[in-house]
């Protein structure tokens, strides 16, 4: 899902994607995490290149346990950027 937000008067687009996790036991939860990307220009359909994927301190893709957690984190991150 991609949502348009206004942060500090600037339009930004926030995208949350599911990130399935392979588990040896499918009953171990969570079986799905979420990733977050922000765009400072409106993304075109299928255009993933102009976005900034949120990464952790080690440079790996940051995984969130819910879409709400991903959106909240990326909003705070973008507030520092714009």
Protein backbone atom coordinates (compact mmCIF):
# COMPACT_ATOMS: atom_id res chain seq x y z
CA UNK A 1 0.00 0.00 0.00
CA UNK A 2 1.19 3.52 -0.79
CA UNK A 3 -0.20 6.46 1.15
CA UNK A 4 0.32 10.14 0.39
CA UNK A 5 1.12 12.27 3.46
CA UNK A 6 1.98 15.89 4.02
CA UNK A 7 4.93 16.31 6.38
CA UNK A 8 6.09 19.83 7.18
CA UNK A 9 4.02 21.02 4.20
CA UNK A 10 5.79 18.69 1.75
CA UNK A 11 4.07 15.79 -0.01
CA UNK A 12 5.68 12.41 0.63
CA UNK A 13 4.52 8.92 -0.19
CA UNK A 14 4.90 6.07 2.27
CA UNK A 15 4.79 2.44 1.19
CA UNK A 16 4.46 -0.64 3.37
CA UNK A 17 5.07 -4.11 1.93
CA UNK A 18 4.62 -7.55 3.47
CA UNK A 19 7.82 -9.52 4.04
CA UNK A 20 7.10 -13.25 4.54
CA UNK A 21 9.42 -15.21 6.80
CA UNK A 22 10.26 -18.84 6.16
CA UNK A 23 10.08 -20.84 9.37
CA UNK A 24 10.93 -24.50 9.87
CA UNK A 25 7.79 -24.68 12.01
CA UNK A 26 4.89 -22.73 10.41
CA UNK A 27 3.25 -22.33 13.84
CA UNK A 28 6.01 -19.98 15.06
CA UNK A 29 4.81 -16.41 14.81
CA UNK A 30 5.19 -13.97 13.29
CA UNK A 31 5.29 -15.56 9.88
CA UNK A 32 5.17 -12.16 8.22
CA UNK A 33 6.89 -8.86 8.83
CA UNK A 34 6.62 -5.57 6.94
CA UNK A 35 9.08 -3.22 5.27
CA UNK A 36 8.69 0.54 4.73
CA UNK A 37 9.80 2.82 1.90
CA UNK A 38 9.35 6.56 1.48
CA UNK A 39 9.29 8.65 -1.69
CA UNK A 40 9.90 12.39 -1.95
CA UNK A 41 8.37 12.38 -5.45
CA UNK A 42 5.18 10.59 -6.45
CA UNK A 43 6.10 7.02 -7.37
CA UNK A 44 4.90 5.75 -10.71
CA UNK A 45 3.27 2.34 -10.84
CA UNK A 46 6.06 -0.22 -10.82
CA UNK A 47 8.72 2.46 -10.23
CA UNK A 48 10.53 1.37 -7.08
CA UNK A 49 13.85 3.07 -7.78
CA UNK A 50 13.23 6.59 -6.49
CA UNK A 51 12.23 5.45 -3.00
CA UNK A 52 14.30 5.08 0.15
CA UNK A 53 13.88 1.69 1.83
CA UNK A 54 14.19 1.93 5.63
CA UNK A 55 17.23 0.05 6.93
CA UNK A 56 18.51 -0.75 10.42
CA UNK A 57 21.82 0.26 12.01
CA UNK A 58 23.66 -2.59 10.24
CA UNK A 59 22.37 -1.57 6.82
CA UNK A 60 19.91 -4.45 6.61
CA UNK A 61 16.25 -3.96 5.69
CA UNK A 62 14.37 -2.99 8.86
CA UNK A 63 11.48 -5.35 9.58
CA UNK A 64 8.34 -4.27 11.43
CA UNK A 65 5.76 -6.48 13.13
CA UNK A 66 2.78 -4.56 11.75
CA UNK A 67 1.91 -2.08 9.01
CA UNK A 68 1.00 0.47 11.69
CA UNK A 69 4.44 0.18 13.30
CA UNK A 70 6.09 0.56 9.89
CA UNK A 71 4.07 3.69 9.04
CA UNK A 72 4.70 5.29 12.43
CA UNK A 73 8.46 4.70 12.17
CA UNK A 74 8.80 5.96 8.60
CA UNK A 75 6.74 9.09 9.35
CA UNK A 76 9.13 10.03 12.17
CA UNK A 77 12.14 9.28 9.97
CA UNK A 78 10.82 11.44 7.11
CA UNK A 79 10.10 14.32 9.51
CA UNK A 80 13.87 14.53 10.05
CA UNK A 81 14.59 14.43 6.30
CA UNK A 82 12.17 17.02 4.90
